[in-house]
Amino acid sequence: MRSNKRVIITGIITLLIVAFLGAYRLPFYIYKPGNADALDPIVEVTDGFSSEGDMHLVTVRGGQATPLQWLIAKVRPFHQVYPLEDIRPEGVTEEEYYHAQLRMMESSQEAAKVVAYKAADREIDINYEGVFVMGVIKGMPAEDQLKSGDEITQVNGEKIQEAADLIDYVSDMKKGEKVTLTIKREKETLQKEIELAPFPDNKKKVGVGISLVTDRTVEVNPEVKVKSGEIGGPSAGLMFSLEMYDQLTEKDVTKGYQIAGTGEVNYEGQVGRIGGIDKKVVAASEDGCQIFFAPNEEGREGSNYQVAKQTAEEINTDMKVVPVDTFQDAVDYLNKLEPKNS
């Protein structure tokens, strides 16, 4: 009888330990290599041209760590553990963070449309829907004044259409100066007077301490549909624009290659820095990609390109890592390639 009780107690304790290791959420976030998915089934231009090769969307997997995942991440290469507050600011719920990531993905798709359709000389019309606060930087003046989801409509009484309007407005201002922001929060319209302060990671630059996203609707002809599902963030912009451009042009831009890459792209076609590029290089290499475009950041030390190139050397991949500062840099590189099957 006692033996049976001991077995039952041991079993219960074992189940509790397993549940703790596999289900309990620690205040840490883990990033690791994801996948390199072909974009052809994700991006669909009406009556678009097909290609021999593929453009690939490369992802990084992320999530709040369980004890077991934390232990594995500590010993696996290209797995990184971050304090949760470094990824999701205090006061921002998981749902708010998730929706902010989806909004950034939507914004990246809109920018990709503009870049690709302009490059292909196709019909396009842009409508501005508002500028929204995506996040508030801890310790900056806006921390107690603004919150994720606020729509900013004016700065000092001047209407703003896109995030760049606000950034340009404060670019020549100095520490201690104040701006009055008109915001919409749910059904209210509010006035917020906020003092400018230096950013924690760049003391030469001042601001109120917010990250912004411009909500635009872009109408194009021919129509394009993007089925990105639950993938969030802005880093797929470059590859979306290349895939759209490839489908819009009769010439096979891929030349038969499996092409991956990453980088946020703005409406002028400039390619910006992203996070987790080492993990994306690993994912692209494991999925058989032959070319990988990486943000060059105009050759600065520690650029995405340098990290990507170093990672490619570490994993001993034959995949070619190519630096790009603009969408056009990537197109120019592909135009000069010899077709793979020639």
C-alpha atoms as a PDB file:
ATOM      1  CA  MET A   1       0.000   0.000   0.000  1.00  0.00           C
ATOM      2  CA  ARG A   2       2.758   2.394   0.979  1.00  0.00           C
ATOM      3  CA  SER A   3       4.638   1.414  -2.175  1.00  0.00           C
ATOM      4  CA  ASN A   4       1.632   2.360  -4.331  1.00  0.00           C
ATOM      5  CA  LYS A   5       1.312   5.724  -2.572  1.00  0.00           C
ATOM      6  CA  ARG A   6       5.011   6.359  -3.131  1.00  0.00           C
ATOM      7  CA  VAL A   7       4.635   5.593  -6.852  1.00  0.00           C
ATOM      8  CA  ILE A   8       1.604   7.877  -7.125  1.00  0.00           C
ATOM      9  CA  ILE A   9       3.342  10.725  -5.279  1.00  0.00           C
ATOM     10  CA  THR A  10       6.467  10.286  -7.405  1.00  0.00           C
ATOM     11  CA  GLY A  11       4.342  10.327 -10.555  1.00  0.00           C
ATOM     12  CA  ILE A  12       2.540  13.495  -9.496  1.00  0.00           C
ATOM     13  CA  ILE A  13       5.814  15.234  -8.644  1.00  0.00           C
ATOM     14  CA  THR A  14       7.256  14.157 -12.009  1.00  0.00           C
ATOM     15  CA  LEU A  15       4.220  15.501 -13.859  1.00  0.00           C
ATOM     16  CA  LEU A  16       4.459  18.802 -11.991  1.00  0.00           C
ATOM     17  CA  ILE A  17       8.161  19.134 -12.866  1.00  0.00           C
ATOM     18  CA  VAL A  18       7.482  18.335 -16.529  1.00  0.00           C
ATOM     19  CA  ALA A  19       4.608  20.829 -16.584  1.00  0.00           C
ATOM     20  CA  PHE A  20       6.832  23.475 -15.003  1.00  0.00           C
ATOM     21  CA  LEU A  21       9.690  22.899 -17.448  1.00  0.00           C
ATOM     22  CA  GLY A  22       7.439  22.846 -20.492  1.00  0.00           C
ATOM     23  CA  ALA A  23       4.649  25.304 -19.697  1.00  0.00           C
ATOM     24  CA  TYR A  24       5.646  27.876 -17.066  1.00  0.00           C
ATOM     25  CA  ARG A  25       6.542  31.225 -18.640  1.00  0.00           C
ATOM     26  CA  LEU A  26       9.752  32.922 -17.554  1.00  0.00           C
ATOM     27  CA  PRO A  27      10.346  36.691 -17.886  1.00  0.00           C
ATOM     28  CA  PHE A  28      12.600  36.041 -20.877  1.00  0.00           C
ATOM     29  CA  TYR A  29      12.144  36.040 -24.637  1.00  0.00           C
ATOM     30  CA  ILE A  30      13.954  33.688 -27.026  1.00  0.00           C
ATOM     31  CA  TYR A  31      14.829  34.314 -30.656  1.00  0.00           C
ATOM     32  CA  LYS A  32      16.067  31.501 -32.920  1.00  0.00           C
ATOM     33  CA  PRO A  33      16.283  30.711 -36.662  1.00  0.00           C
ATOM     34  CA  GLY A  34      12.931  30.321 -38.399  1.00  0.00           C
ATOM     35  CA  ASN A  35      12.165  29.428 -42.020  1.00  0.00           C
ATOM     36  CA  ALA A  36      12.871  30.695 -45.527  1.00  0.00           C
ATOM     37  CA  ASP A  37       9.507  30.379 -47.286  1.00  0.00           C
ATOM     38  CA  ALA A  38       9.094  30.908 -51.019  1.00  0.00           C
ATOM     39  CA  LEU A  39       7.068  34.068 -51.639  1.00  0.00           C
ATOM     40  CA  ASP A  40       5.336  32.940 -54.816  1.00  0.00           C
ATOM     41  CA  PRO A  41       2.337  31.431 -52.953  1.00  0.00           C
ATOM     42  CA  ILE A  42       2.279  34.334 -50.463  1.00  0.00           C
ATOM     43  CA  VAL A  43       2.396  37.245 -52.929  1.00  0.00           C
ATOM     44  CA  GLU A  44       0.024  37.092 -55.881  1.00  0.00           C
ATOM     45  CA  VAL A  45      -0.056  39.785 -58.563  1.00  0.00           C
ATOM     46  CA  THR A  46      -3.066  39.486 -60.871  1.00  0.00           C
ATOM     47  CA  ASP A  47      -1.871  38.036 -64.206  1.00  0.00           C
ATOM     48  CA  GLY A  48       1.681  38.214 -62.868  1.00  0.00           C
ATOM     49  CA  PHE A  49       4.627  36.598 -64.654  1.00  0.00           C
ATOM     50  CA  SER A  50       6.162  33.387 -63.294  1.00  0.00           C
ATOM     51  CA  SER A  51       9.863  32.694 -62.745  1.00  0.00           C
ATOM     52  CA  GLU A  52      12.215  29.729 -62.664  1.00  0.00           C
ATOM     53  CA  GLY A  53      13.603  30.645 -59.253  1.00  0.00           C
ATOM     54  CA  ASP A  54      12.060  31.965 -56.049  1.00  0.00           C
ATOM     55  CA  MET A  55      12.258  34.921 -53.720  1.00  0.00           C
ATOM     56  CA  HIS A  56      12.153  33.846 -50.068  1.00  0.00           C
ATOM     57  CA  LEU A  57      10.725  35.450 -46.928  1.00  0.00           C
ATOM     58  CA  VAL A  58      13.058  34.638 -44.024  1.00  0.00           C
ATOM     59  CA  THR A  59      11.705  34.592 -40.492  1.00  0.00           C
ATOM     60  CA  VAL A  60      12.996  34.466 -36.941  1.00  0.00           C
ATOM     61  CA  ARG A  61      11.031  32.461 -34.393  1.00  0.00           C
ATOM     62  CA  GLY A  62      10.384  34.159 -31.097  1.00  0.00           C
ATOM     63  CA  GLY A  63       8.424  33.585 -27.952  1.00  0.00           C
ATOM     64  CA  GLN A  64       8.365  33.888 -24.191  1.00  0.00           C
ATOM     65  CA  ALA A  65      10.591  31.215 -22.720  1.00  0.00           C
ATOM     66  CA  THR A  66       9.650  28.174 -20.698  1.00  0.00           C
ATOM     67  CA  PRO A  67      12.381  26.778 -18.373  1.00  0.00           C
ATOM     68  CA  LEU A  68      13.108  23.979 -20.865  1.00  0.00           C
ATOM     69  CA  GLN A  69      13.358  26.385 -23.802  1.00  0.00           C
ATOM     70  CA  TRP A  70      15.602  28.664 -21.743  1.00  0.00           C
ATOM     71  CA  LEU A  71      17.985  25.783 -21.003  1.00  0.00           C
ATOM     72  CA  ILE A  72      18.090  24.707 -24.650  1.00  0.00           C
ATOM     73  CA  ALA A  73      18.680  28.272 -25.842  1.00  0.00           C
ATOM     74  CA  LYS A  74      21.666  28.604 -23.534  1.00  0.00           C
ATOM     75  CA  VAL A  75      23.510  25.786 -25.318  1.00  0.00           C
ATOM     76  CA  ARG A  76      22.235  26.010 -28.908  1.00  0.00           C
ATOM     77  CA  PRO A  77      24.053  28.230 -31.427  1.00  0.00           C
ATOM     78  CA  PHE A  78      22.176  31.252 -32.805  1.00  0.00           C
ATOM     79  CA  HIS A  79      19.576  31.099 -30.027  1.00  0.00           C
ATOM     80  CA  GLN A  80      19.419  34.320 -28.000  1.00  0.00           C
ATOM     81  CA  VAL A  81      17.743  35.036 -24.675  1.00  0.00           C
ATOM     82  CA  TYR A  82      16.563  38.557 -23.815  1.00  0.00           C
ATOM     83  CA  PRO A  83      14.838  39.990 -20.750  1.00  0.00           C
ATOM     84  CA  LEU A  84      11.154  40.238 -21.613  1.00  0.00           C
ATOM     85  CA  GLU A  85      11.060  44.009 -20.986  1.00  0.00           C
ATOM     86  CA  ASP A  86      13.708  44.495 -23.712  1.00  0.00           C
ATOM     87  CA  ILE A  87      11.301  43.007 -26.268  1.00  0.00           C
ATOM     88  CA  ARG A  88       7.903  43.982 -24.960  1.00  0.00           C
ATOM     89  CA  PRO A  89       7.985  47.274 -23.012  1.00  0.00           C
ATOM     90  CA  GLU A  90       6.477  47.313 -19.549  1.00  0.00           C
ATOM     91  CA  GLY A  91       2.775  48.154 -19.697  1.00  0.00           C
ATOM     92  CA  VAL A  92       2.370  46.742 -23.225  1.00  0.00           C
ATOM     93  CA  THR A  93       0.321  43.556 -23.280  1.00  0.00           C
ATOM     94  CA  GLU A  94       1.192  40.576 -25.454  1.00  0.00           C
ATOM     95  CA  GLU A  95      -1.878  41.332 -27.584  1.00  0.00           C
ATOM     96  CA  GLU A  96      -0.871  44.983 -28.046  1.00  0.00           C
ATOM     97  CA  TYR A  97       2.667  43.926 -28.985  1.00  0.00           C
ATOM     98  CA  TYR A  98       1.322  41.352 -31.451  1.00  0.00           C
ATOM     99  CA  HIS A  99      -0.991  43.874 -33.119  1.00  0.00           C
ATOM    100  CA  ALA A 100       1.844  46.420 -33.327  1.00  0.00           C
ATOM    101  CA  GLN A 101       3.958  43.804 -35.130  1.00  0.00           C
ATOM    102  CA  LEU A 102       1.115  43.083 -37.562  1.00  0.00           C
ATOM    103  CA  ARG A 103       0.683  46.803 -38.202  1.00  0.00           C
ATOM    104  CA  MET A 104       4.394  47.045 -39.040  1.00  0.00           C
ATOM    105  CA  MET A 105       4.005  44.104 -41.425  1.00  0.00           C
ATOM    106  CA  GLU A 106       1.079  45.853 -43.138  1.00  0.00           C
ATOM    107  CA  SER A 107       3.127  49.036 -43.405  1.00  0.00           C
ATOM    108  CA  SER A 108       6.054  47.127 -44.918  1.00  0.00           C
ATOM    109  CA  GLN A 109       3.745  45.598 -47.518  1.00  0.00           C
ATOM    110  CA  GLU A 110       2.434  49.025 -48.480  1.00  0.00           C
ATOM    111  CA  ALA A 111       5.971  50.372 -48.872  1.00  0.00           C
ATOM    112  CA  ALA A 112       6.901  47.308 -50.923  1.00  0.00           C
ATOM    113  CA  LYS A 113       3.967  47.965 -53.284  1.00  0.00           C
ATOM    114  CA  VAL A 114       5.039  51.551 -53.814  1.00  0.00           C
ATOM    115  CA  VAL A 115       8.673  50.617 -54.510  1.00  0.00           C
ATOM    116  CA  ALA A 116       7.881  47.672 -56.791  1.00  0.00           C
ATOM    117  CA  TYR A 117       5.094  49.302 -58.817  1.00  0.00           C
ATOM    118  CA  LYS A 118       7.068  52.500 -59.341  1.00  0.00           C
ATOM    119  CA  ALA A 119      10.124  50.489 -60.465  1.00  0.00           C
ATOM    120  CA  ALA A 120       7.937  48.492 -62.872  1.00  0.00           C
ATOM    121  CA  ASP A 121       6.238  51.696 -64.063  1.00  0.00           C
ATOM    122  CA  ARG A 122       2.771  50.435 -63.072  1.00  0.00           C
ATOM    123  CA  GLU A 123      -0.314  52.326 -61.854  1.00  0.00           C
ATOM    124  CA  ILE A 124      -0.337  53.333 -58.161  1.00  0.00           C
ATOM    125  CA  ASP A 125      -2.291  55.687 -55.863  1.00  0.00           C
ATOM    126  CA  ILE A 126      -1.412  56.417 -52.189  1.00  0.00           C
ATOM    127  CA  ASN A 127      -3.905  57.537 -49.505  1.00  0.00           C
ATOM    128  CA  TYR A 128      -2.751  58.535 -45.998  1.00  0.00           C
ATOM    129  CA  GLU A 129      -4.878  57.209 -43.101  1.00  0.00           C
ATOM    130  CA  GLY A 130      -2.954  58.412 -40.037  1.00  0.00           C
ATOM    131  CA  VAL A 131       0.190  58.230 -37.909  1.00  0.00           C
ATOM    132  CA  PHE A 132       0.067  55.855 -34.950  1.00  0.00           C
ATOM    133  CA  VAL A 133       2.232  55.357 -31.865  1.00  0.00           C
ATOM    134  CA  MET A 134       3.684  51.877 -32.068  1.00  0.00           C
ATOM    135  CA  GLY A 135       5.662  52.003 -28.827  1.00  0.00           C
ATOM    136  CA  VAL A 136       6.952  54.344 -26.134  1.00  0.00           C
ATOM    137  CA  ILE A 137      10.592  54.336 -25.051  1.00  0.00           C
ATOM    138  CA  LYS A 138      11.089  53.778 -21.337  1.00  0.00           C
ATOM    139  CA  GLY A 139      12.560  56.774 -19.526  1.00  0.00           C
ATOM    140  CA  MET A 140      11.685  59.239 -22.305  1.00  0.00           C
ATOM    141  CA  PRO A 141       9.236  62.167 -21.859  1.00  0.00           C
ATOM    142  CA  ALA A 142       6.388  60.483 -23.746  1.00  0.00           C
ATOM    143  CA  GLU A 143       6.372  57.490 -21.396  1.00  0.00           C
ATOM    144  CA  ASP A 144       3.602  58.855 -19.157  1.00  0.00           C
ATOM    145  CA  GLN A 145       1.837  60.870 -21.867  1.00  0.00           C
ATOM    146  CA  LEU A 146       1.321  58.588 -24.866  1.00  0.00           C
ATOM    147  CA  LYS A 147       0.589  54.927 -25.368  1.00  0.00           C
ATOM    148  CA  SER A 148       0.565  52.341 -28.123  1.00  0.00           C
ATOM    149  CA  GLY A 149      -2.352  52.868 -30.507  1.00  0.00           C
ATOM    150  CA  ASP A 150      -2.617  56.663 -30.112  1.00  0.00           C
ATOM    151  CA  GLU A 151      -3.152  58.405 -33.442  1.00  0.00           C
ATOM    152  CA  ILE A 152      -1.148  61.637 -33.794  1.00  0.00           C
ATOM    153  CA  THR A 153      -2.931  64.144 -36.024  1.00  0.00           C
ATOM    154  CA  GLN A 154      -1.068  67.432 -35.384  1.00  0.00           C
ATOM    155  CA  VAL A 155       2.184  68.806 -33.997  1.00  0.00           C
ATOM    156  CA  ASN A 156       1.955  72.397 -32.698  1.00  0.00           C
ATOM    157  CA  GLY A 157      -1.244  72.816 -34.696  1.00  0.00           C
ATOM    158  CA  GLU A 158       0.260  71.618 -37.976  1.00  0.00           C
ATOM    159  CA  LYS A 159      -1.329  68.574 -39.604  1.00  0.00           C
ATOM    160  CA  ILE A 160       0.849  65.535 -40.165  1.00  0.00           C
ATOM    161  CA  GLN A 161       0.191  62.846 -42.768  1.00  0.00           C
ATOM    162  CA  GLU A 162       3.080  60.484 -42.142  1.00  0.00           C
ATOM    163  CA  ALA A 163       5.657  59.669 -39.495  1.00  0.00           C
ATOM    164  CA  ALA A 164       8.365  61.546 -41.383  1.00  0.00           C
ATOM    165  CA  ASP A 165       6.409  64.808 -40.927  1.00  0.00           C
ATOM    166  CA  LEU A 166       6.759  64.618 -37.143  1.00  0.00           C
ATOM    167  CA  ILE A 167      10.366  63.427 -37.295  1.00  0.00           C
ATOM    168  CA  ASP A 168      11.302  66.282 -39.640  1.00  0.00           C
ATOM    169  CA  TYR A 169       9.482  68.808 -37.439  1.00  0.00           C
ATOM    170  CA  VAL A 170      11.509  67.992 -34.315  1.00  0.00           C
ATOM    171  CA  SER A 171      14.807  67.269 -36.096  1.00  0.00           C
ATOM    172  CA  ASP A 172      16.123  70.829 -35.650  1.00  0.00           C
ATOM    173  CA  MET A 173      14.785  71.302 -32.116  1.00  0.00           C
ATOM    174  CA  LYS A 174      16.873  71.114 -28.950  1.00  0.00           C
ATOM    175  CA  LYS A 175      16.742  69.420 -25.581  1.00  0.00           C
ATOM    176  CA  GLY A 176      14.170  71.064 -23.295  1.00  0.00           C
ATOM    177  CA  GLU A 177      12.007  72.511 -26.063  1.00  0.00           C
ATOM    178  CA  LYS A 178       8.373  71.425 -26.040  1.00  0.00           C
ATOM    179  CA  VAL A 179       5.882  70.294 -28.658  1.00  0.00           C
ATOM    180  CA  THR A 180       2.110  69.982 -28.390  1.00  0.00           C
ATOM    181  CA  LEU A 181       0.772  66.827 -29.978  1.00  0.00           C
ATOM    182  CA  THR A 182      -2.886  66.429 -30.869  1.00  0.00           C
ATOM    183  CA  ILE A 183      -3.869  62.790 -30.533  1.00  0.00           C
ATOM    184  CA  LYS A 184      -6.930  60.605 -30.927  1.00  0.00           C
ATOM    185  CA  ARG A 185      -7.316  57.943 -28.242  1.00  0.00           C
ATOM    186  CA  GLU A 186     -10.370  55.774 -28.700  1.00  0.00           C
ATOM    187  CA  LYS A 187     -13.205  58.377 -28.948  1.00  0.00           C
ATOM    188  CA  GLU A 188     -11.288  61.265 -27.341  1.00  0.00           C
ATOM    189  CA  THR A 189      -9.170  64.011 -28.879  1.00  0.00           C
ATOM    190  CA  LEU A 190      -6.388  65.075 -26.505  1.00  0.00           C
ATOM    191  CA  GLN A 191      -3.632  67.692 -26.368  1.00  0.00           C
ATOM    192  CA  LYS A 192      -0.293  66.541 -24.965  1.00  0.00           C
ATOM    193  CA  GLU A 193       2.545  69.005 -24.302  1.00  0.00           C
ATOM    194  CA  ILE A 194       5.773  67.014 -24.239  1.00  0.00           C
ATOM    195  CA  GLU A 195       9.353  68.095 -23.675  1.00  0.00           C
ATOM    196  CA  LEU A 196      12.127  66.863 -25.955  1.00  0.00           C
ATOM    197  CA  ALA A 197      15.022  64.869 -24.489  1.00  0.00           C
ATOM    198  CA  PRO A 198      18.073  62.974 -25.818  1.00  0.00           C
ATOM    199  CA  PHE A 199      17.537  59.335 -26.745  1.00  0.00           C
ATOM    200  CA  PRO A 200      19.218  56.840 -24.382  1.00  0.00           C
ATOM    201  CA  ASP A 201      21.233  55.210 -27.179  1.00  0.00           C
ATOM    202  CA  ASN A 202      22.022  58.427 -29.068  1.00  0.00           C
ATOM    203  CA  LYS A 203      22.589  61.496 -26.901  1.00  0.00           C
ATOM    204  CA  LYS A 204      23.060  63.732 -29.960  1.00  0.00           C
ATOM    205  CA  LYS A 205      19.491  63.088 -31.105  1.00  0.00           C
ATOM    206  CA  VAL A 206      16.428  64.446 -29.294  1.00  0.00           C
ATOM    207  CA  GLY A 207      12.778  63.480 -29.425  1.00  0.00           C
ATOM    208  CA  VAL A 208       9.750  62.686 -27.302  1.00  0.00           C
ATOM    209  CA  GLY A 209      10.574  58.977 -27.226  1.00  0.00           C
ATOM    210  CA  ILE A 210       8.096  57.160 -29.449  1.00  0.00           C
ATOM    211  CA  SER A 211       8.232  54.791 -32.394  1.00  0.00           C
ATOM    212  CA  LEU A 212       5.727  55.535 -35.139  1.00  0.00           C
ATOM    213  CA  VAL A 213       4.030  53.838 -38.046  1.00  0.00           C
ATOM    214  CA  THR A 214       2.159  55.535 -40.878  1.00  0.00           C
ATOM    215  CA  ASP A 215      -1.101  53.903 -41.876  1.00  0.00           C
ATOM    216  CA  ARG A 216      -1.528  54.226 -45.636  1.00  0.00           C
ATOM    217  CA  THR A 217      -3.735  52.571 -48.190  1.00  0.00           C
ATOM    218  CA  VAL A 218      -2.102  51.932 -51.508  1.00  0.00           C
ATOM    219  CA  GLU A 219      -4.220  51.204 -54.568  1.00  0.00           C
ATOM    220  CA  VAL A 220      -2.407  49.500 -57.436  1.00  0.00           C
ATOM    221  CA  ASN A 221      -3.168  48.135 -60.869  1.00  0.00           C
ATOM    222  CA  PRO A 222      -2.837  45.204 -61.429  1.00  0.00           C
ATOM    223  CA  GLU A 223      -4.083  44.126 -57.998  1.00  0.00           C
ATOM    224  CA  VAL A 224      -1.748  42.297 -55.615  1.00  0.00           C
ATOM    225  CA  LYS A 225      -2.678  40.118 -52.642  1.00  0.00           C
ATOM    226  CA  VAL A 226      -0.296  39.308 -49.786  1.00  0.00           C
ATOM    227  CA  LYS A 227      -1.133  36.386 -47.508  1.00  0.00           C
ATOM    228  CA  SER A 228       1.407  36.843 -44.711  1.00  0.00           C
ATOM    229  CA  GLY A 229      -0.781  35.282 -42.021  1.00  0.00           C
ATOM    230  CA  GLU A 230       0.519  35.822 -38.495  1.00  0.00           C
ATOM    231  CA  ILE A 231       4.002  36.976 -39.525  1.00  0.00           C
ATOM    232  CA  GLY A 232       4.742  40.405 -38.041  1.00  0.00           C
ATOM    233  CA  GLY A 233       7.367  43.107 -38.195  1.00  0.00           C
ATOM    234  CA  PRO A 234       8.785  45.272 -40.996  1.00  0.00           C
ATOM    235  CA  SER A 235      11.822  43.233 -42.068  1.00  0.00           C
ATOM    236  CA  ALA A 236      10.218  41.478 -45.058  1.00  0.00           C
ATOM    237  CA  GLY A 237       9.838  44.737 -46.986  1.00  0.00           C
ATOM    238  CA  LEU A 238      12.782  44.220 -49.331  1.00  0.00           C
ATOM    239  CA  MET A 239      11.794  40.687 -50.307  1.00  0.00           C
ATOM    240  CA  PHE A 240       8.130  41.619 -50.761  1.00  0.00           C
ATOM    241  CA  SER A 241       9.147  44.408 -53.129  1.00  0.00           C
ATOM    242  CA  LEU A 242      11.460  42.106 -55.111  1.00  0.00           C
ATOM    243  CA  GLU A 243       8.763  39.420 -55.431  1.00  0.00           C
ATOM    244  CA  MET A 244       6.173  41.958 -56.598  1.00  0.00           C
ATOM    245  CA  TYR A 245       8.632  43.452 -59.067  1.00  0.00           C
ATOM    246  CA  ASP A 246       9.494  39.991 -60.391  1.00  0.00           C
ATOM    247  CA  GLN A 247       5.822  39.189 -61.025  1.00  0.00           C
ATOM    248  CA  LEU A 248       5.197  42.603 -62.613  1.00  0.00           C
ATOM    249  CA  THR A 249       8.030  42.296 -65.142  1.00  0.00           C
ATOM    250  CA  GLU A 250       8.147  39.820 -68.008  1.00  0.00           C
ATOM    251  CA  LYS A 251      11.879  39.292 -67.553  1.00  0.00           C
ATOM    252  CA  ASP A 252      12.725  36.580 -64.999  1.00  0.00           C
ATOM    253  CA  VAL A 253      14.446  38.577 -62.270  1.00  0.00           C
ATOM    254  CA  THR A 254      15.394  35.434 -60.300  1.00  0.00           C
ATOM    255  CA  LYS A 255      17.447  33.952 -63.179  1.00  0.00           C
ATOM    256  CA  GLY A 256      16.579  30.527 -61.750  1.00  0.00           C
ATOM    257  CA  TYR A 257      18.134  31.129 -58.307  1.00  0.00           C
ATOM    258  CA  GLN A 258      16.709  30.659 -54.811  1.00  0.00           C
ATOM    259  CA  ILE A 259      17.024  34.186 -53.416  1.00  0.00           C
ATOM    260  CA  ALA A 260      16.555  35.234 -49.800  1.00  0.00           C
ATOM    261  CA  GLY A 261      17.201  38.415 -47.883  1.00  0.00           C
ATOM    262  CA  THR A 262      15.895  40.825 -45.343  1.00  0.00           C
ATOM    263  CA  GLY A 263      15.594  44.502 -44.624  1.00  0.00           C
ATOM    264  CA  GLU A 264      12.953  47.101 -43.966  1.00  0.00           C
ATOM    265  CA  VAL A 265      12.255  49.125 -47.101  1.00  0.00           C
ATOM    266  CA  ASN A 266      10.849  52.654 -47.069  1.00  0.00           C
ATOM    267  CA  TYR A 267       8.814  54.416 -49.718  1.00  0.00           C
ATOM    268  CA  GLU A 268      11.967  55.695 -51.404  1.00  0.00           C
ATOM    269  CA  GLY A 269      13.375  52.169 -51.710  1.00  0.00           C
ATOM    270  CA  GLN A 270      16.064  52.548 -49.051  1.00  0.00           C
ATOM    271  CA  VAL A 271      16.839  49.343 -47.156  1.00  0.00           C
ATOM    272  CA  GLY A 272      17.083  49.632 -43.362  1.00  0.00           C
ATOM    273  CA  ARG A 273      18.650  47.615 -40.564  1.00  0.00           C
ATOM    274  CA  ILE A 274      16.733  44.775 -38.925  1.00  0.00           C
ATOM    275  CA  GLY A 275      17.272  42.514 -35.922  1.00  0.00           C
ATOM    276  CA  GLY A 276      18.237  38.827 -35.829  1.00  0.00           C
ATOM    277  CA  ILE A 277      20.041  38.735 -39.160  1.00  0.00           C
ATOM    278  CA  ASP A 278      22.404  35.966 -38.039  1.00  0.00           C
ATOM    279  CA  LYS A 279      19.406  33.701 -37.429  1.00  0.00           C
ATOM    280  CA  LYS A 280      17.973  34.585 -40.834  1.00  0.00           C
ATOM    281  CA  VAL A 281      21.227  33.642 -42.549  1.00  0.00           C
ATOM    282  CA  VAL A 282      21.110  30.253 -40.820  1.00  0.00           C
ATOM    283  CA  ALA A 283      17.457  29.732 -41.816  1.00  0.00           C
ATOM    284  CA  ALA A 284      18.071  30.715 -45.452  1.00  0.00           C
ATOM    285  CA  SER A 285      21.113  28.468 -45.743  1.00  0.00           C
ATOM    286  CA  GLU A 286      19.295  25.487 -44.202  1.00  0.00           C
ATOM    287  CA  ASP A 287      16.450  25.923 -46.705  1.00  0.00           C
ATOM    288  CA  GLY A 288      18.828  25.864 -49.668  1.00  0.00           C
ATOM    289  CA  CYS A 289      18.945  29.523 -50.685  1.00  0.00           C
ATOM    290  CA  GLN A 290      21.863  30.553 -52.900  1.00  0.00           C
ATOM    291  CA  ILE A 291      21.776  34.366 -52.548  1.00  0.00           C
ATOM    292  CA  PHE A 292      21.067  36.452 -49.447  1.00  0.00           C
ATOM    293  CA  PHE A 293      20.577  40.237 -49.524  1.00  0.00           C
ATOM    294  CA  ALA A 294      21.601  42.039 -46.322  1.00  0.00           C
ATOM    295  CA  PRO A 295      21.278  45.731 -45.345  1.00  0.00           C
ATOM    296  CA  ASN A 296      24.658  47.359 -45.857  1.00  0.00           C
ATOM    297  CA  GLU A 297      23.904  50.499 -43.782  1.00  0.00           C
ATOM    298  CA  GLU A 298      26.287  52.418 -46.048  1.00  0.00           C
ATOM    299  CA  GLY A 299      29.184  50.249 -44.875  1.00  0.00           C
ATOM    300  CA  ARG A 300      29.117  51.216 -41.213  1.00  0.00           C
ATOM    301  CA  GLU A 301      30.966  49.094 -38.653  1.00  0.00           C
ATOM    302  CA  GLY A 302      28.835  46.255 -37.308  1.00  0.00           C
ATOM    303  CA  SER A 303      26.295  46.551 -40.123  1.00  0.00           C
ATOM    304  CA  ASN A 304      23.738  43.860 -40.869  1.00  0.00           C
ATOM    305  CA  TYR A 305      25.837  42.875 -43.881  1.00  0.00           C
ATOM    306  CA  GLN A 306      28.981  42.390 -41.820  1.00  0.00           C
ATOM    307  CA  VAL A 307      27.125  40.260 -39.261  1.00  0.00           C
ATOM    308  CA  ALA A 308      25.483  38.242 -42.050  1.00  0.00           C
ATOM    309  CA  LYS A 309      28.795  37.649 -43.807  1.00  0.00           C
ATOM    310  CA  GLN A 310      30.468  36.573 -40.572  1.00  0.00           C
ATOM    311  CA  THR A 311      27.582  34.195 -39.809  1.00  0.00           C
ATOM    312  CA  ALA A 312      27.819  32.676 -43.301  1.00  0.00           C
ATOM    313  CA  GLU A 313      31.524  32.005 -42.688  1.00  0.00           C
ATOM    314  CA  GLU A 314      30.799  30.454 -39.285  1.00  0.00           C
ATOM    315  CA  ILE A 315      28.277  27.982 -40.680  1.00  0.00           C
ATOM    316  CA  ASN A 316      30.416  27.361 -43.779  1.00  0.00           C
ATOM    317  CA  THR A 317      27.614  27.974 -46.272  1.00  0.00           C
ATOM    318  CA  ASP A 318      28.023  28.370 -50.021  1.00  0.00           C
ATOM    319  CA  MET A 319      25.215  30.941 -50.006  1.00  0.00           C
ATOM    320  CA  LYS A 320      26.375  34.298 -51.354  1.00  0.00           C
ATOM    321  CA  VAL A 321      25.761  37.238 -48.991  1.00  0.00           C
ATOM    322  CA  VAL A 322      25.210  40.485 -50.924  1.00  0.00           C
ATOM    323  CA  PRO A 323      25.230  44.002 -49.368  1.00  0.00           C
ATOM    324  CA  VAL A 324      22.444  46.389 -50.430  1.00  0.00           C
ATOM    325  CA  ASP A 325      21.554  49.921 -49.423  1.00  0.00           C
ATOM    326  CA  THR A 326      18.540  50.222 -51.725  1.00  0.00           C
ATOM    327  CA  PHE A 327      15.976  48.124 -53.557  1.00  0.00           C
ATOM    328  CA  GLN A 328      17.688  49.185 -56.788  1.00  0.00           C
ATOM    329  CA  ASP A 329      21.008  47.746 -55.537  1.00  0.00           C
ATOM    330  CA  ALA A 330      19.353  44.323 -55.314  1.00  0.00           C
ATOM    331  CA  VAL A 331      17.759  44.665 -58.751  1.00  0.00           C
ATOM    332  CA  ASP A 332      21.073  45.763 -60.294  1.00  0.00           C
ATOM    333  CA  TYR A 333      22.846  42.753 -58.777  1.00  0.00           C
ATOM    334  CA  LEU A 334      20.228  40.348 -60.149  1.00  0.00           C
ATOM    335  CA  ASN A 335      20.300  41.985 -63.589  1.00  0.00           C
ATOM    336  CA  LYS A 336      24.032  41.300 -63.823  1.00  0.00           C
ATOM    337  CA  LEU A 337      23.723  37.633 -62.853  1.00  0.00           C
ATOM    338  CA  GLU A 338      24.162  34.957 -65.461  1.00  0.00           C
ATOM    339  CA  PRO A 339      21.091  32.698 -65.617  1.00  0.00           C
ATOM    340  CA  LYS A 340      21.597  29.658 -63.409  1.00  0.00           C
ATOM    341  CA  ASN A 341      20.839  27.098 -66.104  1.00  0.00           C
ATOM    342  CA  SER A 342      22.933  28.704 -68.852  1.00  0.00           C
END
